[in-house]
Amino acid sequence: MCTKTNSDLIAEVTEGVQAVVSPKAAAAFLDCHERTVTRMCEQGKLKAVKVMSMWRINRRALLDFAGVEG
Protein backbone atom coordinates (compact mmCIF):
# COMPACT_ATOMS: atom_id res chain seq x y z
CA MET A 1 0.00 0.00 0.00
CA CYS A 2 1.34 3.41 -0.97
CA THR A 3 0.82 6.12 1.64
CA LYS A 4 1.43 9.74 0.78
CA THR A 5 3.37 11.89 3.20
CA ASN A 6 2.12 15.31 4.30
CA SER A 7 4.60 16.98 1.96
CA ASP A 8 3.26 14.87 -0.94
CA LEU A 9 -0.29 15.88 -0.06
CA ILE A 10 0.65 19.56 0.21
CA ALA A 11 2.42 19.37 -3.16
CA GLU A 12 -0.78 17.90 -4.61
CA VAL A 13 -2.49 21.18 -3.70
CA THR A 14 0.26 23.70 -4.46
CA GLU A 15 1.83 22.12 -7.53
CA GLY A 16 -0.97 19.91 -8.77
CA VAL A 17 -2.69 20.18 -12.11
CA GLN A 18 -5.90 18.51 -10.96
CA ALA A 19 -8.94 20.75 -10.57
CA VAL A 20 -10.00 19.04 -7.34
CA VAL A 21 -8.20 17.60 -4.32
CA SER A 22 -9.11 15.18 -1.56
CA PRO A 23 -10.07 16.27 1.95
CA LYS A 24 -6.89 14.56 3.17
CA ALA A 25 -4.73 16.77 0.90
CA ALA A 26 -6.72 19.87 1.85
CA ALA A 27 -6.28 19.06 5.56
CA ALA A 28 -2.52 18.63 5.15
CA PHE A 29 -2.36 21.94 3.27
CA LEU A 30 -4.45 23.81 5.87
CA ASP A 31 -2.73 22.01 8.77
CA CYS A 32 -5.99 20.83 10.29
CA HIS A 33 -7.91 17.59 10.71
CA GLU A 34 -9.58 15.95 7.72
CA ARG A 35 -12.93 16.10 9.54
CA THR A 36 -12.57 19.88 9.85
CA VAL A 37 -12.23 20.10 6.06
CA THR A 38 -15.30 17.89 5.62
CA ARG A 39 -17.32 20.16 7.93
CA MET A 40 -16.17 23.21 5.97
CA CYS A 41 -17.42 21.54 2.79
CA GLU A 42 -20.75 20.68 4.39
CA GLN A 43 -21.15 24.28 5.63
CA GLY A 44 -20.27 25.74 2.22
CA LYS A 45 -17.10 27.43 3.46
CA LEU A 46 -15.06 25.57 0.85
CA LYS A 47 -16.19 25.15 -2.73
CA ALA A 48 -16.54 21.40 -3.09
CA VAL A 49 -18.65 18.65 -4.61
CA LYS A 50 -19.65 15.34 -3.15
CA VAL A 51 -18.99 12.44 -5.51
CA MET A 52 -20.73 9.34 -4.21
CA SER A 53 -19.76 9.62 -0.54
CA MET A 54 -16.45 11.44 -1.00
CA TRP A 55 -15.85 15.18 -1.00
CA ARG A 56 -13.67 16.75 -3.68
CA ILE A 57 -12.47 20.28 -3.01
CA ASN A 58 -11.89 22.81 -5.77
CA ARG A 59 -8.12 23.37 -5.74
CA ARG A 60 -8.28 27.03 -6.82
CA ALA A 61 -10.93 27.80 -4.19
CA LEU A 62 -8.80 26.12 -1.53
CA LEU A 63 -5.78 28.24 -2.46
CA ASP A 64 -7.97 31.37 -2.41
CA PHE A 65 -9.41 30.38 0.98
CA ALA A 66 -5.88 30.06 2.36
CA GLY A 67 -4.83 33.36 0.77
CA VAL A 68 -2.20 31.75 -1.45
CA GLU A 69 -1.44 32.94 -4.96
CA GLY A 70 -1.23 30.05 -7.36
PDB file of N, CA and C in Angstrom:
ATOM      1  N   MET A   1       0.840  -1.181   0.000  1.00  0.00           N
ATOM      2  CA  MET A   1       0.000   0.000   0.000  1.00  0.00           C
ATOM      3  C   MET A   1       0.885   1.245   0.000  1.00  0.00           C
ATOM      4  N   CYS A   2       0.545   2.186  -0.843  1.00  0.00           N
ATOM      5  CA  CYS A   2       1.336   3.410  -0.968  1.00  0.00           C
ATOM      6  C   CYS A   2       0.661   4.532  -0.173  1.00  0.00           C
ATOM      7  N   THR A   3       1.363   5.018   0.836  1.00  0.00           N
ATOM      8  CA  THR A   3       0.822   6.123   1.638  1.00  0.00           C
ATOM      9  C   THR A   3       1.573   7.399   1.292  1.00  0.00           C
ATOM     10  N   LYS A   4       0.817   8.449   1.085  1.00  0.00           N
ATOM     11  CA  LYS A   4       1.429   9.737   0.782  1.00  0.00           C
ATOM     12  C   LYS A   4       1.803  10.445   2.073  1.00  0.00           C
ATOM     13  N   THR A   5       2.942  11.103   2.049  1.00  0.00           N
ATOM     14  CA  THR A   5       3.369  11.892   3.197  1.00  0.00           C
ATOM     15  C   THR A   5       2.655  13.242   3.158  1.00  0.00           C
ATOM     16  N   ASN A   6       2.727  13.974   4.259  1.00  0.00           N
ATOM     17  CA  ASN A   6       2.117  15.308   4.301  1.00  0.00           C
ATOM     18  C   ASN A   6       2.697  16.209   3.217  1.00  0.00           C
ATOM     19  N   SER A   7       4.000  16.123   2.987  1.00  0.00           N
ATOM     20  CA  SER A   7       4.602  16.979   1.958  1.00  0.00           C
ATOM     21  C   SER A   7       4.103  16.588   0.565  1.00  0.00           C
ATOM     22  N   ASP A   8       3.840  15.301   0.336  1.00  0.00           N
ATOM     23  CA  ASP A   8       3.264  14.871  -0.940  1.00  0.00           C
ATOM     24  C   ASP A   8       1.848  15.427  -1.101  1.00  0.00           C
ATOM     25  N   LEU A   9       1.088  15.385  -0.019  1.00  0.00           N
ATOM     26  CA  LEU A   9      -0.285  15.879  -0.063  1.00  0.00           C
ATOM     27  C   LEU A   9      -0.322  17.393  -0.271  1.00  0.00           C
ATOM     28  N   ILE A  10       0.579  18.105   0.375  1.00  0.00           N
ATOM     29  CA  ILE A  10       0.647  19.559   0.209  1.00  0.00           C
ATOM     30  C   ILE A  10       1.051  19.902  -1.223  1.00  0.00           C
ATOM     31  N   ALA A  11       1.991  19.157  -1.779  1.00  0.00           N
ATOM     32  CA  ALA A  11       2.420  19.373  -3.164  1.00  0.00           C
ATOM     33  C   ALA A  11       1.263  19.120  -4.130  1.00  0.00           C
ATOM     34  N   GLU A  12       0.392  18.184  -3.787  1.00  0.00           N
ATOM     35  CA  GLU A  12      -0.784  17.903  -4.612  1.00  0.00           C
ATOM     36  C   GLU A  12      -1.653  19.153  -4.741  1.00  0.00           C
ATOM     37  N   VAL A  13      -1.692  19.952  -3.687  1.00  0.00           N
ATOM     38  CA  VAL A  13      -2.491  21.183  -3.696  1.00  0.00           C
ATOM     39  C   VAL A  13      -1.728  22.316  -4.371  1.00  0.00           C
ATOM     40  N   THR A  14      -0.483  22.530  -3.978  1.00  0.00           N
ATOM     41  CA  THR A  14       0.261  23.696  -4.457  1.00  0.00           C
ATOM     42  C   THR A  14       0.802  23.536  -5.868  1.00  0.00           C
ATOM     43  N   GLU A  15       1.207  22.339  -6.231  1.00  0.00           N
ATOM     44  CA  GLU A  15       1.833  22.125  -7.532  1.00  0.00           C
ATOM     45  C   GLU A  15       0.984  21.289  -8.477  1.00  0.00           C
ATOM     46  N   GLY A  16      -0.142  20.814  -7.995  1.00  0.00           N
ATOM     47  CA  GLY A  16      -0.965  19.907  -8.770  1.00  0.00           C
ATOM     48  C   GLY A  16      -1.624  20.553  -9.967  1.00  0.00           C
ATOM     49  N   VAL A  17      -1.984  19.712 -10.912  1.00  0.00           N
ATOM     50  CA  VAL A  17      -2.685  20.179 -12.105  1.00  0.00           C
ATOM     51  C   VAL A  17      -4.151  19.763 -12.089  1.00  0.00           C
ATOM     52  N   GLN A  18      -4.513  18.957 -11.090  1.00  0.00           N
ATOM     53  CA  GLN A  18      -5.896  18.514 -10.959  1.00  0.00           C
ATOM     54  C   GLN A  18      -6.775  19.680 -10.507  1.00  0.00           C
ATOM     55  N   ALA A  19      -8.006  19.689 -10.954  1.00  0.00           N
ATOM     56  CA  ALA A  19      -8.936  20.754 -10.571  1.00  0.00           C
ATOM     57  C   ALA A  19      -9.474  20.564  -9.163  1.00  0.00           C
ATOM     58  N   VAL A  20      -9.479  19.329  -8.671  1.00  0.00           N
ATOM     59  CA  VAL A  20     -10.004  19.039  -7.343  1.00  0.00           C
ATOM     60  C   VAL A  20      -8.991  18.239  -6.544  1.00  0.00           C
ATOM     61  N   VAL A  21      -9.091  18.349  -5.220  1.00  0.00           N
ATOM     62  CA  VAL A  21      -8.200  17.602  -4.324  1.00  0.00           C
ATOM     63  C   VAL A  21      -9.037  16.903  -3.254  1.00  0.00           C
ATOM     64  N   SER A  22      -8.439  15.937  -2.611  1.00  0.00           N
ATOM     65  CA  SER A  22      -9.115  15.176  -1.564  1.00  0.00           C
ATOM     66  C   SER A  22      -9.139  15.975  -0.258  1.00  0.00           C
ATOM     67  N   PRO A  23     -10.055  15.635   0.626  1.00  0.00           N
ATOM     68  CA  PRO A  23     -10.072  16.267   1.948  1.00  0.00           C
ATOM     69  C   PRO A  23      -8.761  16.026   2.709  1.00  0.00           C
ATOM     70  N   LYS A  24      -8.149  14.877   2.497  1.00  0.00           N
ATOM     71  CA  LYS A  24      -6.886  14.565   3.173  1.00  0.00           C
ATOM     72  C   LYS A  24      -5.788  15.536   2.727  1.00  0.00           C
ATOM     73  N   ALA A  25      -5.718  15.816   1.422  1.00  0.00           N
ATOM     74  CA  ALA A  25      -4.733  16.769   0.904  1.00  0.00           C
ATOM     75  C   ALA A  25      -5.043  18.181   1.385  1.00  0.00           C
ATOM     76  N   ALA A  26      -6.317  18.545   1.381  1.00  0.00           N
ATOM     77  CA  ALA A  26      -6.716  19.872   1.853  1.00  0.00           C
ATOM     78  C   ALA A  26      -6.378  20.042   3.330  1.00  0.00           C
ATOM     79  N   ALA A  27      -6.587  18.999   4.125  1.00  0.00           N
ATOM     80  CA  ALA A  27      -6.285  19.058   5.557  1.00  0.00           C
ATOM     81  C   ALA A  27      -4.781  19.216   5.783  1.00  0.00           C
ATOM     82  N   ALA A  28      -3.974  18.504   5.021  1.00  0.00           N
ATOM     83  CA  ALA A  28      -2.518  18.635   5.152  1.00  0.00           C
ATOM     84  C   ALA A  28      -2.097  20.052   4.780  1.00  0.00           C
ATOM     85  N   PHE A  29      -2.690  20.600   3.728  1.00  0.00           N
ATOM     86  CA  PHE A  29      -2.363  21.945   3.268  1.00  0.00           C
ATOM     87  C   PHE A  29      -2.767  23.004   4.296  1.00  0.00           C
ATOM     88  N   LEU A  30      -3.951  22.840   4.892  1.00  0.00           N
ATOM     89  CA  LEU A  30      -4.450  23.813   5.873  1.00  0.00           C
ATOM     90  C   LEU A  30      -3.945  23.537   7.289  1.00  0.00           C
ATOM     91  N   ASP A  31      -3.245  22.435   7.466  1.00  0.00           N
ATOM     92  CA  ASP A  31      -2.725  22.012   8.769  1.00  0.00           C
ATOM     93  C   ASP A  31      -3.860  21.879   9.789  1.00  0.00           C
ATOM     94  N   CYS A  32      -4.863  21.098   9.394  1.00  0.00           N
ATOM     95  CA  CYS A  32      -5.987  20.826  10.286  1.00  0.00           C
ATOM     96  C   CYS A  32      -6.404  19.373  10.095  1.00  0.00           C
ATOM     97  N   HIS A  33      -7.428  18.958  10.808  1.00  0.00           N
ATOM     98  CA  HIS A  33      -7.913  17.590  10.714  1.00  0.00           C
ATOM     99  C   HIS A  33      -8.787  17.427   9.469  1.00  0.00           C
ATOM    100  N   GLU A  34      -8.781  16.246   8.911  1.00  0.00           N
ATOM    101  CA  GLU A  34      -9.584  15.952   7.725  1.00  0.00           C
ATOM    102  C   GLU A  34     -11.078  16.190   7.986  1.00  0.00           C
ATOM    103  N   ARG A  35     -11.535  15.891   9.194  1.00  0.00           N
ATOM    104  CA  ARG A  35     -12.934  16.102   9.541  1.00  0.00           C
ATOM    105  C   ARG A  35     -13.286  17.595   9.524  1.00  0.00           C
ATOM    106  N   THR A  36     -12.347  18.436   9.897  1.00  0.00           N
ATOM    107  CA  THR A  36     -12.567  19.883   9.847  1.00  0.00           C
ATOM    108  C   THR A  36     -12.825  20.314   8.404  1.00  0.00           C
ATOM    109  N   VAL A  37     -12.047  19.783   7.478  1.00  0.00           N
ATOM    110  CA  VAL A  37     -12.233  20.105   6.057  1.00  0.00           C
ATOM    111  C   VAL A  37     -13.605  19.622   5.592  1.00  0.00           C
ATOM    112  N   THR A  38     -13.988  18.424   5.994  1.00  0.00           N
ATOM    113  CA  THR A  38     -15.304  17.888   5.623  1.00  0.00           C
ATOM    114  C   THR A  38     -16.423  18.785   6.137  1.00  0.00           C
ATOM    115  N   ARG A  39     -16.308  19.243   7.374  1.00  0.00           N
ATOM    116  CA  ARG A  39     -17.321  20.157   7.925  1.00  0.00           C
ATOM    117  C   ARG A  39     -17.378  21.464   7.134  1.00  0.00           C
ATOM    118  N   MET A  40     -16.209  21.970   6.751  1.00  0.00           N
ATOM    119  CA  MET A  40     -16.172  23.213   5.970  1.00  0.00           C
ATOM    120  C   MET A  40     -16.865  23.017   4.624  1.00  0.00           C
ATOM    121  N   CYS A  41     -16.725  21.850   4.042  1.00  0.00           N
ATOM    122  CA  CYS A  41     -17.416  21.538   2.787  1.00  0.00           C
ATOM    123  C   CYS A  41     -18.921  21.481   3.012  1.00  0.00           C
ATOM    124  N   GLU A  42     -19.329  20.800   4.075  1.00  0.00           N
ATOM    125  CA  GLU A  42     -20.754  20.679   4.394  1.00  0.00           C
ATOM    126  C   GLU A  42     -21.391  22.038   4.668  1.00  0.00           C
ATOM    127  N   GLN A  43     -20.641  22.950   5.277  1.00  0.00           N
ATOM    128  CA  GLN A  43     -21.150  24.276   5.626  1.00  0.00           C
ATOM    129  C   GLN A  43     -21.040  25.268   4.470  1.00  0.00           C
ATOM    130  N   GLY A  44     -20.413  24.861   3.375  1.00  0.00           N
ATOM    131  CA  GLY A  44     -20.272  25.739   2.225  1.00  0.00           C
ATOM    132  C   GLY A  44     -19.128  26.730   2.341  1.00  0.00           C
ATOM    133  N   LYS A  45     -18.246  26.535   3.304  1.00  0.00           N
ATOM    134  CA  LYS A  45     -17.099  27.433   3.465  1.00  0.00           C
ATOM    135  C   LYS A  45     -16.021  27.164   2.428  1.00  0.00           C
ATOM    136  N   LEU A  46     -15.980  25.939   1.927  1.00  0.00           N
ATOM    137  CA  LEU A  46     -15.061  25.567   0.852  1.00  0.00           C
ATOM    138  C   LEU A  46     -15.884  25.118  -0.345  1.00  0.00           C
ATOM    139  N   LYS A  47     -15.495  25.561  -1.516  1.00  0.00           N
ATOM    140  CA  LYS A  47     -16.185  25.149  -2.727  1.00  0.00           C
ATOM    141  C   LYS A  47     -15.800  23.697  -3.009  1.00  0.00           C
ATOM    142  N   ALA A  48     -16.792  22.823  -2.933  1.00  0.00           N
ATOM    143  CA  ALA A  48     -16.537  21.400  -3.094  1.00  0.00           C
ATOM    144  C   ALA A  48     -17.769  20.697  -3.639  1.00  0.00           C
ATOM    145  N   VAL A  49     -17.554  19.502  -4.156  1.00  0.00           N
ATOM    146  CA  VAL A  49     -18.653  18.653  -4.612  1.00  0.00           C
ATOM    147  C   VAL A  49     -18.524  17.300  -3.937  1.00  0.00           C
ATOM    148  N   LYS A  50     -19.652  16.677  -3.741  1.00  0.00           N
ATOM    149  CA  LYS A  50     -19.648  15.343  -3.153  1.00  0.00           C
ATOM    150  C   LYS A  50     -19.873  14.347  -4.281  1.00  0.00           C
ATOM    151  N   VAL A  51     -18.907  13.470  -4.491  1.00  0.00           N
ATOM    152  CA  VAL A  51     -18.994  12.444  -5.509  1.00  0.00           C
ATOM    153  C   VAL A  51     -19.171  11.120  -4.782  1.00  0.00           C
ATOM    154  N   MET A  52     -20.338  10.518  -4.992  1.00  0.00           N
ATOM    155  CA  MET A  52     -20.734   9.341  -4.212  1.00  0.00           C
ATOM    156  C   MET A  52     -20.706   9.754  -2.737  1.00  0.00           C
ATOM    157  N   SER A  53     -19.804   9.226  -1.946  1.00  0.00           N
ATOM    158  CA  SER A  53     -19.760   9.616  -0.536  1.00  0.00           C
ATOM    159  C   SER A  53     -18.489  10.388  -0.197  1.00  0.00           C
ATOM    160  N   MET A  54     -17.747  10.781  -1.229  1.00  0.00           N
ATOM    161  CA  MET A  54     -16.452  11.439  -0.995  1.00  0.00           C
ATOM    162  C   MET A  54     -16.472  12.885  -1.471  1.00  0.00           C
ATOM    163  N   TRP A  55     -15.951  13.771  -0.641  1.00  0.00           N
ATOM    164  CA  TRP A  55     -15.849  15.181  -0.996  1.00  0.00           C
ATOM    165  C   TRP A  55     -14.632  15.397  -1.879  1.00  0.00           C
ATOM    166  N   ARG A  56     -14.778  16.304  -2.841  1.00  0.00           N
ATOM    167  CA  ARG A  56     -13.673  16.747  -3.682  1.00  0.00           C
ATOM    168  C   ARG A  56     -13.681  18.268  -3.634  1.00  0.00           C
ATOM    169  N   ILE A  57     -12.555  18.844  -3.223  1.00  0.00           N
ATOM    170  CA  ILE A  57     -12.471  20.282  -3.013  1.00  0.00           C
ATOM    171  C   ILE A  57     -11.833  20.943  -4.226  1.00  0.00           C
ATOM    172  N   ASN A  58     -12.437  22.041  -4.656  1.00  0.00           N
ATOM    173  CA  ASN A  58     -11.895  22.812  -5.766  1.00  0.00           C
ATOM    174  C   ASN A  58     -10.529  23.368  -5.350  1.00  0.00           C
ATOM    175  N   ARG A  59      -9.489  23.009  -6.100  1.00  0.00           N
ATOM    176  CA  ARG A  59      -8.119  23.374  -5.741  1.00  0.00           C
ATOM    177  C   ARG A  59      -7.920  24.884  -5.730  1.00  0.00           C
ATOM    178  N   ARG A  60      -8.429  25.571  -6.737  1.00  0.00           N
ATOM    179  CA  ARG A  60      -8.280  27.026  -6.819  1.00  0.00           C
ATOM    180  C   ARG A  60      -8.984  27.714  -5.650  1.00  0.00           C
ATOM    181  N   ALA A  61     -10.184  27.233  -5.313  1.00  0.00           N
ATOM    182  CA  ALA A  61     -10.934  27.804  -4.194  1.00  0.00           C
ATOM    183  C   ALA A  61     -10.210  27.566  -2.870  1.00  0.00           C
ATOM    184  N   LEU A  62      -9.567  26.418  -2.736  1.00  0.00           N
ATOM    185  CA  LEU A  62      -8.801  26.117  -1.529  1.00  0.00           C
ATOM    186  C   LEU A  62      -7.621  27.072  -1.393  1.00  0.00           C
ATOM    187  N   LEU A  63      -6.911  27.303  -2.488  1.00  0.00           N
ATOM    188  CA  LEU A  63      -5.783  28.238  -2.457  1.00  0.00           C
ATOM    189  C   LEU A  63      -6.268  29.657  -2.132  1.00  0.00           C
ATOM    190  N   ASP A  64      -7.402  30.054  -2.712  1.00  0.00           N
ATOM    191  CA  ASP A  64      -7.971  31.373  -2.414  1.00  0.00           C
ATOM    192  C   ASP A  64      -8.371  31.466  -0.944  1.00  0.00           C
ATOM    193  N   PHE A  65      -8.990  30.413  -0.424  1.00  0.00           N
ATOM    194  CA  PHE A  65      -9.414  30.379   0.977  1.00  0.00           C
ATOM    195  C   PHE A  65      -8.206  30.572   1.905  1.00  0.00           C
ATOM    196  N   ALA A  66      -7.091  29.976   1.539  1.00  0.00           N
ATOM    197  CA  ALA A  66      -5.878  30.063   2.358  1.00  0.00           C
ATOM    198  C   ALA A  66      -5.090  31.348   2.083  1.00  0.00           C
ATOM    199  N   GLY A  67      -5.522  32.115   1.095  1.00  0.00           N
ATOM    200  CA  GLY A  67      -4.832  33.363   0.769  1.00  0.00           C
ATOM    201  C   GLY A  67      -3.518  33.157   0.056  1.00  0.00           C
ATOM    202  N   VAL A  68      -3.448  32.090  -0.739  1.00  0.00           N
ATOM    203  CA  VAL A  68      -2.204  31.755  -1.451  1.00  0.00           C
ATOM    204  C   VAL A  68      -2.394  32.037  -2.932  1.00  0.00           C
ATOM    205  N   GLU A  69      -1.423  32.713  -3.513  1.00  0.00           N
ATOM    206  CA  GLU A  69      -1.444  32.943  -4.957  1.00  0.00           C
ATOM    207  C   GLU A  69      -0.992  31.661  -5.635  1.00  0.00           C
ATOM    208  N   GLY A  70      -1.639  31.296  -6.707  1.00  0.00           N
ATOM    209  CA  GLY A  70      -1.231  30.055  -7.365  1.00  0.00           C
ATOM    210  C   GLY A  70      -1.577  30.051  -8.742  1.00  0.00           C
TER     211      GLY A  70
END
